[in-house]
């Protein structure tokens, strides 16, 4: 799963906490500057509170977007693959075929029965785009094309899964 926060956000929060601790210790050690340091402590406290609330909102928004159900379905096969479309009743089966690749042929979508029979791909059965992209990446892990690979040349995958 993708990271919900960046290193910069964590470092920024950590720096605010360290600054707050330093000013608090300085306030405790030098009572004569108490009148000057107290407003700074209050300001830092408000900054910390605002930072935590904003970061929490960012994380929850990213989490909702990553877990959100997605109606996007893959319709095209990677380069060098031919698309074979079959209609199995109400279900449109999309098969990607290439006899020259080390990766086997796969299905973008098919019936539940056929998708459950083996490792055919069936990537469109997932409702979550992140999960769908992870399944595609896992399926193509044994791709031996070191000059870019199937996924690097699959425009639809690049547009939908690489953010």
N, C-alpha and C. Protein backbone atom coordinates (compact mmCIF):
# COMPACT_ATOMS: atom_id res chain seq x y z
N UNK A 1 0.84 -1.17 0.00
CA UNK A 1 0.00 0.00 0.00
C UNK A 1 0.89 1.24 0.00
N UNK A 2 0.40 2.29 -0.61
CA UNK A 2 1.18 3.51 -0.69
C UNK A 2 1.27 4.18 0.66
N UNK A 3 2.31 4.98 0.81
CA UNK A 3 2.55 5.67 2.08
C UNK A 3 1.55 6.81 2.23
N UNK A 4 1.00 6.96 3.42
CA UNK A 4 -0.02 7.97 3.66
C UNK A 4 0.56 9.34 4.02
N UNK A 5 1.84 9.40 4.32
CA UNK A 5 2.48 10.66 4.67
C UNK A 5 3.89 10.65 4.12
N UNK A 6 4.46 11.84 3.96
CA UNK A 6 5.81 11.93 3.42
C UNK A 6 6.82 12.14 4.55
N UNK A 7 8.07 11.94 4.24
CA UNK A 7 9.14 12.16 5.20
C UNK A 7 9.22 13.62 5.60
N UNK A 8 8.96 14.51 4.66
CA UNK A 8 8.98 15.95 4.95
C UNK A 8 7.93 16.31 6.00
N UNK A 9 6.76 15.70 5.91
CA UNK A 9 5.71 15.98 6.88
C UNK A 9 6.11 15.51 8.27
N UNK A 10 6.74 14.37 8.36
CA UNK A 10 7.17 13.84 9.66
C UNK A 10 8.29 14.71 10.24
N UNK A 11 9.26 15.07 9.40
CA UNK A 11 10.37 15.91 9.85
C UNK A 11 9.85 17.27 10.29
N UNK A 12 8.91 17.85 9.55
CA UNK A 12 8.33 19.15 9.93
C UNK A 12 7.67 19.09 11.29
N UNK A 13 6.89 18.04 11.53
CA UNK A 13 6.25 17.88 12.84
C UNK A 13 7.26 17.65 13.94
N UNK A 14 8.30 16.88 13.66
CA UNK A 14 9.34 16.62 14.64
C UNK A 14 10.09 17.90 15.00
N UNK A 15 10.38 18.73 14.00
CA UNK A 15 11.06 20.00 14.27
C UNK A 15 10.19 20.92 15.13
N UNK A 16 8.89 20.94 14.87
CA UNK A 16 7.99 21.74 15.71
C UNK A 16 8.00 21.25 17.16
N UNK A 17 7.99 19.94 17.35
CA UNK A 17 8.02 19.37 18.71
C UNK A 17 9.34 19.70 19.41
N UNK A 18 10.45 19.56 18.69
CA UNK A 18 11.76 19.88 19.29
C UNK A 18 11.84 21.35 19.66
N UNK A 19 11.37 22.22 18.79
CA UNK A 19 11.36 23.66 19.08
C UNK A 19 10.49 23.96 20.30
N UNK A 20 9.34 23.30 20.38
CA UNK A 20 8.46 23.49 21.53
C UNK A 20 9.15 23.06 22.82
N UNK A 21 9.81 21.92 22.80
CA UNK A 21 10.50 21.41 24.00
C UNK A 21 11.62 22.36 24.41
N UNK A 22 12.37 22.86 23.42
CA UNK A 22 13.48 23.78 23.74
C UNK A 22 12.96 25.06 24.38
N UNK A 23 11.92 25.62 23.83
CA UNK A 23 11.36 26.87 24.39
C UNK A 23 10.76 26.60 25.76
N UNK A 24 10.12 25.43 25.95
CA UNK A 24 9.54 25.09 27.24
C UNK A 24 10.63 24.96 28.31
N UNK A 25 11.73 24.28 27.97
CA UNK A 25 12.84 24.12 28.92
C UNK A 25 13.46 25.49 29.22
N UNK A 26 13.62 26.32 28.19
CA UNK A 26 14.16 27.66 28.40
C UNK A 26 13.24 28.47 29.32
N UNK A 27 11.96 28.31 29.17
CA UNK A 27 10.98 29.00 30.02
C UNK A 27 11.10 28.53 31.47
N UNK A 28 11.35 27.25 31.67
CA UNK A 28 11.46 26.72 33.03
C UNK A 28 12.77 27.14 33.70
N UNK A 29 13.84 27.25 32.92
CA UNK A 29 15.14 27.60 33.48
C UNK A 29 15.29 29.08 33.76
N UNK A 30 14.78 29.93 32.90
CA UNK A 30 14.93 31.38 33.07
C UNK A 30 13.58 32.00 33.38
N UNK A 31 13.32 32.15 34.66
CA UNK A 31 12.04 32.72 35.09
C UNK A 31 11.95 34.21 34.76
N UNK A 32 13.11 34.88 34.58
CA UNK A 32 13.07 36.32 34.31
C UNK A 32 12.54 36.64 32.92
N UNK A 33 12.62 35.67 31.98
CA UNK A 33 12.11 35.90 30.63
C UNK A 33 10.73 35.28 30.44
N UNK A 34 10.10 34.91 31.53
CA UNK A 34 8.83 34.22 31.50
C UNK A 34 7.77 35.00 30.72
N UNK A 35 7.75 36.30 30.87
CA UNK A 35 6.74 37.13 30.20
C UNK A 35 6.96 37.15 28.68
N UNK A 36 8.19 36.96 28.24
CA UNK A 36 8.48 36.98 26.80
C UNK A 36 8.29 35.61 26.16
N UNK A 37 8.62 34.58 26.91
CA UNK A 37 8.61 33.23 26.33
C UNK A 37 7.21 32.61 26.34
N UNK A 38 6.38 32.97 27.30
CA UNK A 38 5.05 32.39 27.40
C UNK A 38 4.22 32.59 26.12
N UNK A 39 4.19 33.80 25.53
CA UNK A 39 3.42 33.94 24.28
C UNK A 39 4.00 33.09 23.13
N UNK A 40 5.33 32.92 23.14
CA UNK A 40 5.95 32.07 22.12
C UNK A 40 5.51 30.63 22.31
N UNK A 41 5.46 30.17 23.56
CA UNK A 41 4.99 28.80 23.84
C UNK A 41 3.53 28.61 23.41
N UNK A 42 2.72 29.60 23.68
CA UNK A 42 1.31 29.51 23.28
C UNK A 42 1.21 29.44 21.75
N UNK A 43 1.99 30.26 21.06
CA UNK A 43 1.99 30.25 19.59
C UNK A 43 2.47 28.92 19.04
N UNK A 44 3.55 28.36 19.62
CA UNK A 44 4.05 27.06 19.18
C UNK A 44 3.04 25.95 19.45
N UNK A 45 2.35 26.04 20.58
CA UNK A 45 1.32 25.06 20.90
C UNK A 45 0.20 25.09 19.86
N UNK A 46 -0.23 26.30 19.49
CA UNK A 46 -1.26 26.43 18.47
C UNK A 46 -0.78 25.91 17.11
N UNK A 47 0.49 26.19 16.78
CA UNK A 47 1.06 25.68 15.51
C UNK A 47 1.10 24.16 15.51
N UNK A 48 1.52 23.57 16.63
CA UNK A 48 1.55 22.11 16.73
C UNK A 48 0.16 21.51 16.57
N UNK A 49 -0.82 22.11 17.24
CA UNK A 49 -2.18 21.62 17.16
C UNK A 49 -2.71 21.72 15.73
N UNK A 50 -2.49 22.86 15.08
CA UNK A 50 -2.94 23.04 13.69
C UNK A 50 -2.23 22.05 12.77
N UNK A 51 -0.93 21.85 12.98
CA UNK A 51 -0.16 20.93 12.14
C UNK A 51 -0.69 19.51 12.27
N UNK A 52 -0.96 19.09 13.49
CA UNK A 52 -1.47 17.74 13.73
C UNK A 52 -2.85 17.57 13.09
N UNK A 53 -3.71 18.57 13.21
CA UNK A 53 -5.05 18.47 12.61
C UNK A 53 -4.99 18.41 11.08
N UNK A 54 -4.13 19.24 10.48
CA UNK A 54 -4.01 19.25 9.03
C UNK A 54 -3.40 17.94 8.53
N UNK A 55 -2.35 17.46 9.21
CA UNK A 55 -1.73 16.19 8.81
C UNK A 55 -2.71 15.03 8.94
N UNK A 56 -3.50 15.03 9.99
CA UNK A 56 -4.51 13.99 10.18
C UNK A 56 -5.54 14.03 9.05
N UNK A 57 -5.94 15.22 8.64
CA UNK A 57 -6.89 15.37 7.53
C UNK A 57 -6.30 14.87 6.22
N UNK A 58 -5.02 15.18 5.98
CA UNK A 58 -4.34 14.71 4.76
C UNK A 58 -4.27 13.18 4.74
N UNK A 59 -3.90 12.59 5.86
CA UNK A 59 -3.78 11.14 5.94
C UNK A 59 -5.14 10.47 5.73
N UNK A 60 -6.18 10.99 6.37
CA UNK A 60 -7.50 10.37 6.21
C UNK A 60 -8.03 10.54 4.78
N UNK A 61 -7.74 11.67 4.13
CA UNK A 61 -8.16 11.87 2.74
C UNK A 61 -7.44 10.90 1.81
N UNK A 62 -6.11 10.74 2.01
CA UNK A 62 -5.36 9.79 1.19
C UNK A 62 -5.87 8.37 1.40
N UNK A 63 -6.16 8.02 2.64
CA UNK A 63 -6.64 6.68 2.95
C UNK A 63 -7.98 6.42 2.25
N UNK A 64 -8.87 7.42 2.28
CA UNK A 64 -10.17 7.25 1.61
C UNK A 64 -9.99 7.07 0.11
N UNK A 65 -9.08 7.85 -0.49
CA UNK A 65 -8.86 7.74 -1.91
C UNK A 65 -8.27 6.39 -2.30
N UNK A 66 -7.35 5.88 -1.47
CA UNK A 66 -6.74 4.60 -1.78
C UNK A 66 -7.69 3.43 -1.62
N UNK A 67 -8.62 3.53 -0.68
CA UNK A 67 -9.54 2.43 -0.42
C UNK A 67 -10.86 2.56 -1.18
N UNK A 68 -11.04 3.68 -1.85
CA UNK A 68 -12.28 3.95 -2.56
C UNK A 68 -12.49 2.94 -3.70
N UNK A 69 -13.71 2.47 -3.81
CA UNK A 69 -14.02 1.56 -4.91
C UNK A 69 -13.97 2.35 -6.20
N UNK A 70 -13.54 1.68 -7.23
CA UNK A 70 -13.26 2.33 -8.49
C UNK A 70 -13.93 1.55 -9.60
N UNK A 71 -14.60 2.22 -10.49
CA UNK A 71 -15.29 1.53 -11.58
C UNK A 71 -14.42 1.43 -12.82
N UNK A 72 -13.17 1.83 -12.73
CA UNK A 72 -12.30 1.77 -13.90
C UNK A 72 -11.98 0.32 -14.24
N UNK A 73 -12.08 -0.02 -15.52
CA UNK A 73 -11.72 -1.36 -15.99
C UNK A 73 -10.70 -1.23 -17.11
N UNK A 74 -9.74 -2.13 -17.11
CA UNK A 74 -8.74 -2.15 -18.17
C UNK A 74 -9.39 -2.70 -19.44
N UNK A 75 -9.15 -2.01 -20.56
CA UNK A 75 -9.78 -2.40 -21.82
C UNK A 75 -8.77 -2.80 -22.89
N UNK A 76 -7.52 -2.38 -22.74
CA UNK A 76 -6.52 -2.67 -23.77
C UNK A 76 -5.44 -3.56 -23.20
N UNK A 77 -4.83 -4.31 -24.08
CA UNK A 77 -3.72 -5.20 -23.70
C UNK A 77 -2.41 -4.45 -23.88
N UNK A 78 -1.34 -4.95 -23.28
CA UNK A 78 -0.02 -4.33 -23.48
C UNK A 78 0.42 -4.41 -24.93
N UNK A 79 1.44 -3.63 -25.27
CA UNK A 79 2.03 -3.70 -26.62
C UNK A 79 2.49 -5.13 -26.88
N UNK A 80 2.45 -5.54 -28.11
CA UNK A 80 2.84 -6.87 -28.57
C UNK A 80 1.85 -7.96 -28.17
N UNK A 81 0.75 -7.59 -27.56
CA UNK A 81 -0.30 -8.54 -27.24
C UNK A 81 -1.50 -8.24 -28.14
N UNK A 82 -2.20 -9.27 -28.56
CA UNK A 82 -3.42 -9.05 -29.32
C UNK A 82 -4.61 -9.24 -28.40
N UNK A 83 -5.63 -8.44 -28.64
CA UNK A 83 -6.83 -8.49 -27.81
C UNK A 83 -7.86 -9.39 -28.47
N UNK A 84 -8.32 -10.36 -27.72
CA UNK A 84 -9.36 -11.26 -28.20
C UNK A 84 -10.58 -11.08 -27.29
N UNK A 85 -11.69 -10.69 -27.88
CA UNK A 85 -12.91 -10.43 -27.12
C UNK A 85 -13.92 -11.53 -27.41
N UNK A 86 -14.43 -12.15 -26.35
CA UNK A 86 -15.49 -13.16 -26.45
C UNK A 86 -16.66 -12.70 -25.58
N UNK A 87 -17.86 -13.00 -26.01
CA UNK A 87 -19.02 -12.70 -25.19
C UNK A 87 -19.55 -14.02 -24.63
N UNK A 88 -19.47 -14.15 -23.32
CA UNK A 88 -19.95 -15.36 -22.63
C UNK A 88 -21.25 -15.00 -21.92
N UNK A 89 -22.34 -15.04 -22.65
CA UNK A 89 -23.62 -14.59 -22.09
C UNK A 89 -23.59 -13.08 -21.95
N UNK A 90 -23.79 -12.60 -20.74
CA UNK A 90 -23.77 -11.15 -20.49
C UNK A 90 -22.37 -10.63 -20.19
N UNK A 91 -21.42 -11.53 -20.02
CA UNK A 91 -20.06 -11.14 -19.64
C UNK A 91 -19.18 -11.01 -20.87
N UNK A 92 -18.45 -9.92 -20.94
CA UNK A 92 -17.50 -9.68 -22.02
C UNK A 92 -16.13 -10.15 -21.54
N UNK A 93 -15.59 -11.16 -22.19
CA UNK A 93 -14.27 -11.67 -21.82
C UNK A 93 -13.22 -11.00 -22.70
N UNK A 94 -12.20 -10.45 -22.05
CA UNK A 94 -11.09 -9.82 -22.77
C UNK A 94 -9.83 -10.62 -22.47
N UNK A 95 -9.29 -11.24 -23.52
CA UNK A 95 -8.08 -12.05 -23.36
C UNK A 95 -6.93 -11.38 -24.11
N UNK A 96 -5.76 -11.33 -23.47
CA UNK A 96 -4.56 -10.78 -24.09
C UNK A 96 -3.64 -11.95 -24.46
N UNK A 97 -3.31 -12.02 -25.76
CA UNK A 97 -2.58 -13.18 -26.27
C UNK A 97 -1.28 -12.74 -26.93
N UNK A 98 -0.18 -13.43 -26.58
CA UNK A 98 1.10 -13.23 -27.25
C UNK A 98 1.91 -14.50 -27.07
N UNK A 99 2.21 -15.17 -28.15
CA UNK A 99 2.94 -16.44 -28.07
C UNK A 99 4.45 -16.25 -27.90
N UNK A 100 4.96 -15.03 -28.08
CA UNK A 100 6.41 -14.80 -28.02
C UNK A 100 6.90 -14.38 -26.63
N UNK A 101 6.03 -14.13 -25.71
CA UNK A 101 6.44 -13.63 -24.39
C UNK A 101 6.66 -14.76 -23.40
N UNK A 102 7.52 -14.49 -22.42
CA UNK A 102 7.73 -15.47 -21.35
C UNK A 102 6.58 -15.45 -20.37
N UNK A 103 5.82 -14.36 -20.34
CA UNK A 103 4.64 -14.27 -19.48
C UNK A 103 3.48 -14.92 -20.22
N UNK A 104 2.69 -15.73 -19.54
CA UNK A 104 1.59 -16.41 -20.24
C UNK A 104 0.49 -15.42 -20.65
N UNK A 105 -0.36 -15.90 -21.54
CA UNK A 105 -1.54 -15.11 -21.90
C UNK A 105 -2.37 -14.89 -20.64
N UNK A 106 -3.14 -13.82 -20.65
CA UNK A 106 -3.93 -13.52 -19.45
C UNK A 106 -5.26 -12.90 -19.85
N UNK A 107 -6.17 -12.87 -18.89
CA UNK A 107 -7.49 -12.29 -19.08
C UNK A 107 -7.57 -10.96 -18.33
N UNK A 108 -8.11 -9.96 -18.98
CA UNK A 108 -8.41 -8.73 -18.25
C UNK A 108 -9.71 -8.90 -17.47
N UNK A 109 -10.65 -9.59 -18.08
CA UNK A 109 -11.90 -9.91 -17.38
C UNK A 109 -12.53 -11.12 -18.02
N UNK A 110 -13.32 -11.83 -17.21
CA UNK A 110 -14.03 -13.01 -17.68
C UNK A 110 -15.10 -13.35 -16.66
N UNK A 111 -15.66 -14.54 -16.77
CA UNK A 111 -16.67 -14.98 -15.81
C UNK A 111 -15.99 -15.30 -14.48
N UNK A 112 -16.77 -15.28 -13.41
CA UNK A 112 -16.22 -15.60 -12.09
C UNK A 112 -15.67 -17.01 -12.05
N UNK A 113 -16.34 -17.92 -12.73
CA UNK A 113 -15.90 -19.32 -12.72
C UNK A 113 -14.54 -19.46 -13.37
N UNK A 114 -14.35 -18.86 -14.54
CA UNK A 114 -13.09 -18.98 -15.25
C UNK A 114 -11.97 -18.26 -14.51
N UNK A 115 -12.28 -17.10 -13.91
CA UNK A 115 -11.26 -16.36 -13.15
C UNK A 115 -10.83 -17.12 -11.91
N UNK A 116 -11.75 -17.89 -11.32
CA UNK A 116 -11.43 -18.64 -10.12
C UNK A 116 -10.67 -19.93 -10.38
N UNK A 117 -10.61 -20.37 -11.63
CA UNK A 117 -9.98 -21.65 -11.96
C UNK A 117 -8.46 -21.63 -11.84
N UNK A 118 -7.82 -20.51 -12.12
CA UNK A 118 -6.37 -20.49 -12.09
C UNK A 118 -5.82 -19.07 -12.14
N UNK A 119 -4.54 -18.98 -12.35
CA UNK A 119 -3.88 -17.69 -12.37
C UNK A 119 -3.91 -17.12 -13.80
N UNK A 120 -5.07 -16.66 -14.20
CA UNK A 120 -5.24 -16.12 -15.54
C UNK A 120 -5.15 -14.61 -15.58
N UNK A 121 -5.02 -13.97 -14.46
CA UNK A 121 -5.05 -12.51 -14.43
C UNK A 121 -6.38 -12.04 -13.89
N UNK A 122 -7.35 -11.86 -14.78
CA UNK A 122 -8.69 -11.39 -14.40
C UNK A 122 -8.60 -10.15 -13.52
N UNK A 123 -7.86 -9.15 -13.98
CA UNK A 123 -7.56 -7.98 -13.16
C UNK A 123 -8.78 -7.11 -12.90
N UNK A 124 -9.74 -7.10 -13.79
CA UNK A 124 -10.90 -6.23 -13.63
C UNK A 124 -11.89 -6.71 -12.57
N UNK A 125 -11.66 -7.89 -12.00
CA UNK A 125 -12.58 -8.38 -10.96
C UNK A 125 -12.42 -7.60 -9.66
N UNK A 126 -11.27 -6.93 -9.46
CA UNK A 126 -11.05 -6.13 -8.25
C UNK A 126 -11.77 -4.80 -8.37
N UNK A 127 -12.39 -4.35 -7.27
CA UNK A 127 -13.07 -3.06 -7.27
C UNK A 127 -12.16 -1.92 -6.84
N UNK A 128 -11.03 -2.23 -6.26
CA UNK A 128 -10.11 -1.23 -5.75
C UNK A 128 -8.95 -1.08 -6.74
N UNK A 129 -8.71 0.15 -7.22
CA UNK A 129 -7.68 0.36 -8.24
C UNK A 129 -6.29 0.00 -7.71
N UNK A 130 -6.00 0.33 -6.47
CA UNK A 130 -4.70 0.01 -5.89
C UNK A 130 -4.47 -1.50 -5.89
N UNK A 131 -5.47 -2.25 -5.47
CA UNK A 131 -5.37 -3.71 -5.45
C UNK A 131 -5.23 -4.26 -6.87
N UNK A 132 -5.98 -3.69 -7.80
CA UNK A 132 -5.93 -4.12 -9.19
C UNK A 132 -4.51 -3.92 -9.74
N UNK A 133 -3.92 -2.76 -9.47
CA UNK A 133 -2.57 -2.47 -9.96
C UNK A 133 -1.53 -3.37 -9.30
N UNK A 134 -1.71 -3.66 -8.01
CA UNK A 134 -0.79 -4.57 -7.33
C UNK A 134 -0.86 -5.98 -7.94
N UNK A 135 -2.07 -6.43 -8.26
CA UNK A 135 -2.22 -7.75 -8.88
C UNK A 135 -1.54 -7.81 -10.24
N UNK A 136 -1.66 -6.76 -11.02
CA UNK A 136 -1.01 -6.72 -12.33
C UNK A 136 0.50 -6.76 -12.16
N UNK A 137 1.00 -5.96 -11.23
CA UNK A 137 2.45 -5.92 -10.99
C UNK A 137 2.96 -7.28 -10.54
N UNK A 138 2.22 -7.94 -9.66
CA UNK A 138 2.61 -9.28 -9.19
C UNK A 138 2.58 -10.29 -10.33
N UNK A 139 1.56 -10.21 -11.17
CA UNK A 139 1.44 -11.15 -12.30
C UNK A 139 2.64 -11.04 -13.23
N UNK A 140 3.15 -9.82 -13.43
CA UNK A 140 4.25 -9.60 -14.37
C UNK A 140 5.62 -9.57 -13.70
N UNK A 141 5.75 -10.05 -12.47
CA UNK A 141 7.04 -10.05 -11.78
C UNK A 141 8.09 -10.89 -12.49
N UNK A 142 7.68 -11.94 -13.15
CA UNK A 142 8.65 -12.81 -13.81
C UNK A 142 8.97 -12.34 -15.23
N UNK A 143 8.56 -11.11 -15.57
CA UNK A 143 8.85 -10.55 -16.90
C UNK A 143 10.37 -10.41 -17.03
N UNK A 144 10.94 -11.02 -18.04
CA UNK A 144 12.40 -11.02 -18.19
C UNK A 144 12.91 -9.95 -19.15
N UNK A 145 12.04 -9.14 -19.70
CA UNK A 145 12.45 -8.09 -20.63
C UNK A 145 13.06 -6.94 -19.84
N UNK A 146 14.38 -6.85 -19.81
CA UNK A 146 15.07 -5.85 -19.00
C UNK A 146 15.11 -4.48 -19.65
N UNK A 147 14.73 -4.36 -20.91
CA UNK A 147 14.76 -3.08 -21.61
C UNK A 147 13.50 -2.25 -21.39
N UNK A 148 12.72 -2.52 -20.43
CA UNK A 148 11.51 -1.75 -20.17
C UNK A 148 10.38 -2.61 -19.69
N UNK A 149 10.34 -3.81 -20.15
CA UNK A 149 9.32 -4.73 -19.67
C UNK A 149 7.95 -4.44 -20.24
N UNK A 150 7.08 -5.35 -19.98
CA UNK A 150 5.71 -5.27 -20.48
C UNK A 150 4.98 -4.10 -19.83
N UNK A 151 5.15 -3.94 -18.51
CA UNK A 151 4.42 -2.88 -17.81
C UNK A 151 4.87 -1.48 -18.24
N UNK A 152 6.15 -1.32 -18.53
CA UNK A 152 6.64 -0.01 -18.97
C UNK A 152 6.08 0.38 -20.34
N UNK A 153 5.74 -0.62 -21.15
CA UNK A 153 5.21 -0.35 -22.49
C UNK A 153 3.69 -0.44 -22.56
N UNK A 154 3.05 -0.71 -21.45
CA UNK A 154 1.58 -0.80 -21.43
C UNK A 154 1.05 0.56 -21.01
N UNK A 155 0.59 1.33 -21.98
CA UNK A 155 0.18 2.72 -21.75
C UNK A 155 -0.97 2.82 -20.75
N UNK A 156 -1.94 1.94 -20.86
CA UNK A 156 -3.09 2.00 -19.95
C UNK A 156 -2.67 1.75 -18.51
N UNK A 157 -1.76 0.80 -18.28
CA UNK A 157 -1.24 0.55 -16.93
C UNK A 157 -0.50 1.77 -16.41
N UNK A 158 0.34 2.35 -17.24
CA UNK A 158 1.12 3.53 -16.84
C UNK A 158 0.19 4.69 -16.47
N UNK A 159 -0.87 4.90 -17.23
CA UNK A 159 -1.80 6.00 -16.97
C UNK A 159 -2.64 5.78 -15.73
N UNK A 160 -3.00 4.54 -15.43
CA UNK A 160 -3.93 4.28 -14.33
C UNK A 160 -3.24 3.87 -13.03
N UNK A 161 -2.03 3.33 -13.11
CA UNK A 161 -1.41 2.77 -11.90
C UNK A 161 -0.17 3.54 -11.44
N UNK A 162 0.49 4.24 -12.32
CA UNK A 162 1.69 4.98 -11.93
C UNK A 162 1.30 6.41 -11.71
N UNK A 163 1.29 6.83 -10.44
CA UNK A 163 0.86 8.19 -10.09
C UNK A 163 2.03 9.11 -9.89
